[in-house]
Amino acid sequence: MAERTKKQNAIQRYFSETAGELRKVSWPSWPEARQLTILVILVMVFMGLFLGLVDLAANKLLNLVLGIQ
């Protein structure tokens, strides 16, 4: 019976190992996190505009090739 109380099931082991790994993580400081967040947002906006322009150009070219409008 002592073995039964000491042995963790898979779910308990998963959560305890996850908590242990999260303690080892080197978390960024708030200024660094803010700077990286702004960078990600700027890259997303740039890529959105770029892909929008590529889509518009491809649409115009396809319409020209197919003779639509």
PDB file of N, CA and C in Angstrom:
ATOM      1  N   MET A   1       0.823  -1.184   0.000  1.00  0.00           N
ATOM      2  CA  MET A   1       0.000   0.000   0.000  1.00  0.00           C
ATOM      3  C   MET A   1       0.874   1.257   0.000  1.00  0.00           C
ATOM      4  N   ALA A   2       2.059   1.193   0.584  1.00  0.00           N
ATOM      5  CA  ALA A   2       2.966   2.342   0.596  1.00  0.00           C
ATOM      6  C   ALA A   2       3.414   2.686  -0.816  1.00  0.00           C
ATOM      7  N   GLU A   3       3.563   1.657  -1.658  1.00  0.00           N
ATOM      8  CA  GLU A   3       3.951   1.901  -3.039  1.00  0.00           C
ATOM      9  C   GLU A   3       2.877   2.678  -3.778  1.00  0.00           C
ATOM     10  N   ARG A   4       1.655   2.398  -3.475  1.00  0.00           N
ATOM     11  CA  ARG A   4       0.543   3.029  -4.171  1.00  0.00           C
ATOM     12  C   ARG A   4       0.480   4.529  -3.900  1.00  0.00           C
ATOM     13  N   THR A   5       0.768   4.963  -2.701  1.00  0.00           N
ATOM     14  CA  THR A   5       0.684   6.377  -2.375  1.00  0.00           C
ATOM     15  C   THR A   5       1.875   7.152  -2.924  1.00  0.00           C
ATOM     16  N   LYS A   6       3.030   6.500  -3.050  1.00  0.00           N
ATOM     17  CA  LYS A   6       4.217   7.187  -3.557  1.00  0.00           C
ATOM     18  C   LYS A   6       4.218   7.307  -5.073  1.00  0.00           C
ATOM     19  N   LYS A   7       3.653   6.333  -5.760  1.00  0.00           N
ATOM     20  CA  LYS A   7       3.683   6.312  -7.210  1.00  0.00           C
ATOM     21  C   LYS A   7       2.671   7.306  -7.774  1.00  0.00           C
ATOM     22  N   GLN A   8       3.166   8.209  -8.630  1.00  0.00           N
ATOM     23  CA  GLN A   8       2.284   9.190  -9.247  1.00  0.00           C
ATOM     24  C   GLN A   8       1.693   8.615 -10.531  1.00  0.00           C
ATOM     25  N   ASN A   9       0.477   9.009 -10.813  1.00  0.00           N
ATOM     26  CA  ASN A   9      -0.079   8.586 -12.088  1.00  0.00           C
ATOM     27  C   ASN A   9       0.454   9.521 -13.186  1.00  0.00           C
ATOM     28  N   ALA A  10       0.121   9.247 -14.420  1.00  0.00           N
ATOM     29  CA  ALA A  10       0.693   9.980 -15.548  1.00  0.00           C
ATOM     30  C   ALA A  10       0.335  11.463 -15.514  1.00  0.00           C
ATOM     31  N   ILE A  11      -0.870  11.796 -15.125  1.00  0.00           N
ATOM     32  CA  ILE A  11      -1.300  13.200 -15.094  1.00  0.00           C
ATOM     33  C   ILE A  11      -0.550  13.968 -14.018  1.00  0.00           C
ATOM     34  N   GLN A  12      -0.420  13.396 -12.833  1.00  0.00           N
ATOM     35  CA  GLN A  12       0.324  14.063 -11.759  1.00  0.00           C
ATOM     36  C   GLN A  12       1.785  14.245 -12.147  1.00  0.00           C
ATOM     37  N   ARG A  13       2.372  13.233 -12.750  1.00  0.00           N
ATOM     38  CA  ARG A  13       3.771  13.320 -13.167  1.00  0.00           C
ATOM     39  C   ARG A  13       3.947  14.393 -14.232  1.00  0.00           C
ATOM     40  N   TYR A  14       3.012  14.467 -15.170  1.00  0.00           N
ATOM     41  CA  TYR A  14       3.076  15.483 -16.231  1.00  0.00           C
ATOM     42  C   TYR A  14       3.097  16.890 -15.628  1.00  0.00           C
ATOM     43  N   PHE A  15       2.166  17.154 -14.710  1.00  0.00           N
ATOM     44  CA  PHE A  15       2.093  18.488 -14.121  1.00  0.00           C
ATOM     45  C   PHE A  15       3.295  18.801 -13.235  1.00  0.00           C
ATOM     46  N   SER A  16       3.799  17.842 -12.501  1.00  0.00           N
ATOM     47  CA  SER A  16       4.966  18.124 -11.665  1.00  0.00           C
ATOM     48  C   SER A  16       6.210  18.342 -12.530  1.00  0.00           C
ATOM     49  N   GLU A  17       6.359  17.582 -13.617  1.00  0.00           N
ATOM     50  CA  GLU A  17       7.495  17.789 -14.512  1.00  0.00           C
ATOM     51  C   GLU A  17       7.373  19.121 -15.249  1.00  0.00           C
ATOM     52  N   THR A  18       6.155  19.489 -15.629  1.00  0.00           N
ATOM     53  CA  THR A  18       5.938  20.772 -16.298  1.00  0.00           C
ATOM     54  C   THR A  18       6.294  21.925 -15.373  1.00  0.00           C
ATOM     55  N   ALA A  19       5.856  21.853 -14.129  1.00  0.00           N
ATOM     56  CA  ALA A  19       6.184  22.902 -13.154  1.00  0.00           C
ATOM     57  C   ALA A  19       7.688  22.983 -12.945  1.00  0.00           C
ATOM     58  N   GLY A  20       8.355  21.857 -12.900  1.00  0.00           N
ATOM     59  CA  GLY A  20       9.813  21.841 -12.742  1.00  0.00           C
ATOM     60  C   GLY A  20      10.518  22.486 -13.928  1.00  0.00           C
ATOM     61  N   GLU A  21      10.028  22.214 -15.129  1.00  0.00           N
ATOM     62  CA  GLU A  21      10.638  22.816 -16.320  1.00  0.00           C
ATOM     63  C   GLU A  21      10.387  24.315 -16.362  1.00  0.00           C
ATOM     64  N   LEU A  22       9.202  24.760 -15.944  1.00  0.00           N
ATOM     65  CA  LEU A  22       8.896  26.192 -15.960  1.00  0.00           C
ATOM     66  C   LEU A  22       9.763  26.957 -14.956  1.00  0.00           C
ATOM     67  N   ARG A  23      10.210  26.293 -13.891  1.00  0.00           N
ATOM     68  CA  ARG A  23      11.104  26.958 -12.933  1.00  0.00           C
ATOM     69  C   ARG A  23      12.484  27.206 -13.546  1.00  0.00           C
ATOM     70  N   LYS A  24      12.860  26.402 -14.553  1.00  0.00           N
ATOM     71  CA  LYS A  24      14.176  26.536 -15.187  1.00  0.00           C
ATOM     72  C   LYS A  24      14.207  27.595 -16.281  1.00  0.00           C
ATOM     73  N   VAL A  25      13.033  28.068 -16.718  1.00  0.00           N
ATOM     74  CA  VAL A  25      12.954  28.997 -17.843  1.00  0.00           C
ATOM     75  C   VAL A  25      13.536  30.344 -17.456  1.00  0.00           C
ATOM     76  N   SER A  26      14.290  30.932 -18.380  1.00  0.00           N
ATOM     77  CA  SER A  26      14.815  32.281 -18.195  1.00  0.00           C
ATOM     78  C   SER A  26      13.816  33.262 -18.800  1.00  0.00           C
ATOM     79  N   TRP A  27      12.970  33.841 -17.947  1.00  0.00           N
ATOM     80  CA  TRP A  27      11.918  34.730 -18.423  1.00  0.00           C
ATOM     81  C   TRP A  27      12.498  36.102 -18.754  1.00  0.00           C
ATOM     82  N   PRO A  28      12.003  36.769 -19.809  1.00  0.00           N
ATOM     83  CA  PRO A  28      12.506  38.113 -20.147  1.00  0.00           C
ATOM     84  C   PRO A  28      11.995  39.147 -19.140  1.00  0.00           C
ATOM     85  N   SER A  29      12.738  40.244 -19.050  1.00  0.00           N
ATOM     86  CA  SER A  29      12.289  41.344 -18.191  1.00  0.00           C
ATOM     87  C   SER A  29      11.099  42.028 -18.876  1.00  0.00           C
ATOM     88  N   TRP A  30      10.370  42.866 -18.107  1.00  0.00           N
ATOM     89  CA  TRP A  30       9.212  43.551 -18.690  1.00  0.00           C
ATOM     90  C   TRP A  30       9.611  44.452 -19.850  1.00  0.00           C
ATOM     91  N   PRO A  31      10.674  45.267 -19.746  1.00  0.00           N
ATOM     92  CA  PRO A  31      11.048  46.099 -20.901  1.00  0.00           C
ATOM     93  C   PRO A  31      11.416  45.260 -22.133  1.00  0.00           C
ATOM     94  N   GLU A  32      12.101  44.150 -21.912  1.00  0.00           N
ATOM     95  CA  GLU A  32      12.461  43.284 -23.028  1.00  0.00           C
ATOM     96  C   GLU A  32      11.210  42.644 -23.640  1.00  0.00           C
ATOM     97  N   ALA A  33      10.290  42.212 -22.813  1.00  0.00           N
ATOM     98  CA  ALA A  33       9.038  41.616 -23.319  1.00  0.00           C
ATOM     99  C   ALA A  33       8.229  42.642 -24.097  1.00  0.00           C
ATOM    100  N   ARG A  34       8.175  43.877 -23.599  1.00  0.00           N
ATOM    101  CA  ARG A  34       7.448  44.944 -24.291  1.00  0.00           C
ATOM    102  C   ARG A  34       8.088  45.235 -25.641  1.00  0.00           C
ATOM    103  N   GLN A  35       9.410  45.314 -25.682  1.00  0.00           N
ATOM    104  CA  GLN A  35      10.127  45.589 -26.925  1.00  0.00           C
ATOM    105  C   GLN A  35       9.899  44.471 -27.947  1.00  0.00           C
ATOM    106  N   LEU A  36       9.962  43.235 -27.509  1.00  0.00           N
ATOM    107  CA  LEU A  36       9.736  42.114 -28.417  1.00  0.00           C
ATOM    108  C   LEU A  36       8.286  42.059 -28.896  1.00  0.00           C
ATOM    109  N   THR A  37       7.339  42.431 -28.027  1.00  0.00           N
ATOM    110  CA  THR A  37       5.930  42.459 -28.421  1.00  0.00           C
ATOM    111  C   THR A  37       5.703  43.508 -29.500  1.00  0.00           C
ATOM    112  N   ILE A  38       6.292  44.689 -29.333  1.00  0.00           N
ATOM    113  CA  ILE A  38       6.171  45.747 -30.338  1.00  0.00           C
ATOM    114  C   ILE A  38       6.790  45.296 -31.654  1.00  0.00           C
ATOM    115  N   LEU A  39       7.926  44.627 -31.585  1.00  0.00           N
ATOM    116  CA  LEU A  39       8.575  44.116 -32.795  1.00  0.00           C
ATOM    117  C   LEU A  39       7.678  43.116 -33.514  1.00  0.00           C
ATOM    118  N   VAL A  40       7.066  42.209 -32.777  1.00  0.00           N
ATOM    119  CA  VAL A  40       6.180  41.209 -33.386  1.00  0.00           C
ATOM    120  C   VAL A  40       4.986  41.895 -34.048  1.00  0.00           C
ATOM    121  N   ILE A  41       4.405  42.889 -33.382  1.00  0.00           N
ATOM    122  CA  ILE A  41       3.255  43.600 -33.956  1.00  0.00           C
ATOM    123  C   ILE A  41       3.659  44.330 -35.236  1.00  0.00           C
ATOM    124  N   LEU A  42       4.824  44.982 -35.229  1.00  0.00           N
ATOM    125  CA  LEU A  42       5.282  45.675 -36.433  1.00  0.00           C
ATOM    126  C   LEU A  42       5.525  44.710 -37.588  1.00  0.00           C
ATOM    127  N   VAL A  43       6.125  43.573 -37.312  1.00  0.00           N
ATOM    128  CA  VAL A  43       6.365  42.576 -38.362  1.00  0.00           C
ATOM    129  C   VAL A  43       5.031  42.052 -38.898  1.00  0.00           C
ATOM    130  N   MET A  44       4.059  41.840 -38.013  1.00  0.00           N
ATOM    131  CA  MET A  44       2.744  41.371 -38.464  1.00  0.00           C
ATOM    132  C   MET A  44       2.067  42.396 -39.365  1.00  0.00           C
ATOM    133  N   VAL A  45       2.135  43.676 -38.998  1.00  0.00           N
ATOM    134  CA  VAL A  45       1.532  44.727 -39.823  1.00  0.00           C
ATOM    135  C   VAL A  45       2.231  44.791 -41.170  1.00  0.00           C
ATOM    136  N   PHE A  46       3.565  44.773 -41.178  1.00  0.00           N
ATOM    137  CA  PHE A  46       4.314  44.816 -42.429  1.00  0.00           C
ATOM    138  C   PHE A  46       3.960  43.630 -43.318  1.00  0.00           C
ATOM    139  N   MET A  47       3.942  42.431 -42.753  1.00  0.00           N
ATOM    140  CA  MET A  47       3.627  41.241 -43.545  1.00  0.00           C
ATOM    141  C   MET A  47       2.187  41.275 -44.040  1.00  0.00           C
ATOM    142  N   GLY A  48       1.270  41.788 -43.239  1.00  0.00           N
ATOM    143  CA  GLY A  48      -0.122  41.918 -43.670  1.00  0.00           C
ATOM    144  C   GLY A  48      -0.246  42.846 -44.862  1.00  0.00           C
ATOM    145  N   LEU A  49       0.433  43.995 -44.795  1.00  0.00           N
ATOM    146  CA  LEU A  49       0.411  44.933 -45.921  1.00  0.00           C
ATOM    147  C   LEU A  49       1.073  44.334 -47.158  1.00  0.00           C
ATOM    148  N   PHE A  50       2.209  43.701 -46.968  1.00  0.00           N
ATOM    149  CA  PHE A  50       2.926  43.094 -48.082  1.00  0.00           C
ATOM    150  C   PHE A  50       2.079  42.011 -48.757  1.00  0.00           C
ATOM    151  N   LEU A  51       1.513  41.109 -47.963  1.00  0.00           N
ATOM    152  CA  LEU A  51       0.701  40.031 -48.534  1.00  0.00           C
ATOM    153  C   LEU A  51      -0.581  40.575 -49.167  1.00  0.00           C
ATOM    154  N   GLY A  52      -1.132  41.631 -48.600  1.00  0.00           N
ATOM    155  CA  GLY A  52      -2.303  42.277 -49.203  1.00  0.00           C
ATOM    156  C   GLY A  52      -1.974  42.850 -50.568  1.00  0.00           C
ATOM    157  N   LEU A  53      -0.814  43.489 -50.689  1.00  0.00           N
ATOM    158  CA  LEU A  53      -0.395  44.050 -51.978  1.00  0.00           C
ATOM    159  C   LEU A  53      -0.099  42.948 -52.990  1.00  0.00           C
ATOM    160  N   VAL A  54       0.547  41.877 -52.561  1.00  0.00           N
ATOM    161  CA  VAL A  54       0.819  40.749 -53.459  1.00  0.00           C
ATOM    162  C   VAL A  54      -0.497  40.133 -53.924  1.00  0.00           C
ATOM    163  N   ASP A  55      -1.458  39.987 -53.039  1.00  0.00           N
ATOM    164  CA  ASP A  55      -2.765  39.431 -53.398  1.00  0.00           C
ATOM    165  C   ASP A  55      -3.469  40.345 -54.402  1.00  0.00           C
ATOM    166  N   LEU A  56      -3.432  41.646 -54.178  1.00  0.00           N
ATOM    167  CA  LEU A  56      -4.058  42.605 -55.087  1.00  0.00           C
ATOM    168  C   LEU A  56      -3.416  42.531 -56.469  1.00  0.00           C
ATOM    169  N   ALA A  57      -2.084  42.496 -56.509  1.00  0.00           N
ATOM    170  CA  ALA A  57      -1.374  42.417 -57.785  1.00  0.00           C
ATOM    171  C   ALA A  57      -1.677  41.097 -58.497  1.00  0.00           C
ATOM    172  N   ALA A  58      -1.703  40.004 -57.778  1.00  0.00           N
ATOM    173  CA  ALA A  58      -1.997  38.706 -58.384  1.00  0.00           C
ATOM    174  C   ALA A  58      -3.427  38.680 -58.916  1.00  0.00           C
ATOM    175  N   ASN A  59      -4.352  39.281 -58.171  1.00  0.00           N
ATOM    176  CA  ASN A  59      -5.741  39.343 -58.600  1.00  0.00           C
ATOM    177  C   ASN A  59      -5.867  40.152 -59.891  1.00  0.00           C
ATOM    178  N   LYS A  60      -5.219  41.316 -59.954  1.00  0.00           N
ATOM    179  CA  LYS A  60      -5.259  42.159 -61.155  1.00  0.00           C
ATOM    180  C   LYS A  60      -4.647  41.426 -62.345  1.00  0.00           C
ATOM    181  N   LEU A  61      -3.511  40.764 -62.113  1.00  0.00           N
ATOM    182  CA  LEU A  61      -2.828  40.048 -63.187  1.00  0.00           C
ATOM    183  C   LEU A  61      -3.683  38.887 -63.692  1.00  0.00           C
ATOM    184  N   LEU A  62      -4.278  38.145 -62.793  1.00  0.00           N
ATOM    185  CA  LEU A  62      -5.133  37.020 -63.175  1.00  0.00           C
ATOM    186  C   LEU A  62      -6.352  37.497 -63.953  1.00  0.00           C
ATOM    187  N   ASN A  63      -6.957  38.595 -63.492  1.00  0.00           N
ATOM    188  CA  ASN A  63      -8.091  39.158 -64.217  1.00  0.00           C
ATOM    189  C   ASN A  63      -7.679  39.609 -65.618  1.00  0.00           C
ATOM    190  N   LEU A  64      -6.482  40.176 -65.749  1.00  0.00           N
ATOM    191  CA  LEU A  64      -5.986  40.618 -67.052  1.00  0.00           C
ATOM    192  C   LEU A  64      -5.750  39.410 -67.976  1.00  0.00           C
ATOM    193  N   VAL A  65      -5.147  38.362 -67.442  1.00  0.00           N
ATOM    194  CA  VAL A  65      -4.858  37.165 -68.234  1.00  0.00           C
ATOM    195  C   VAL A  65      -6.157  36.479 -68.665  1.00  0.00           C
ATOM    196  N   LEU A  66      -7.120  36.405 -67.770  1.00  0.00           N
ATOM    197  CA  LEU A  66      -8.381  35.729 -68.078  1.00  0.00           C
ATOM    198  C   LEU A  66      -9.353  36.632 -68.837  1.00  0.00           C
ATOM    199  N   GLY A  67      -9.029  37.903 -68.975  1.00  0.00           N
ATOM    200  CA  GLY A  67      -9.891  38.841 -69.706  1.00  0.00           C
ATOM    201  C   GLY A  67     -11.142  39.227 -68.953  1.00  0.00           C
ATOM    202  N   ILE A  68     -11.093  39.173 -67.644  1.00  0.00           N
ATOM    203  CA  ILE A  68     -12.234  39.565 -66.831  1.00  0.00           C
ATOM    204  C   ILE A  68     -12.089  41.053 -66.525  1.00  0.00           C
ATOM    205  N   GLN A  69     -13.100  41.829 -66.879  1.00  0.00           N
ATOM    206  CA  GLN A  69     -13.157  43.290 -66.691  1.00  0.00           C
ATOM    207  C   GLN A  69     -12.104  43.957 -67.469  1.00  0.00           C
TER     208      GLN A  69
END
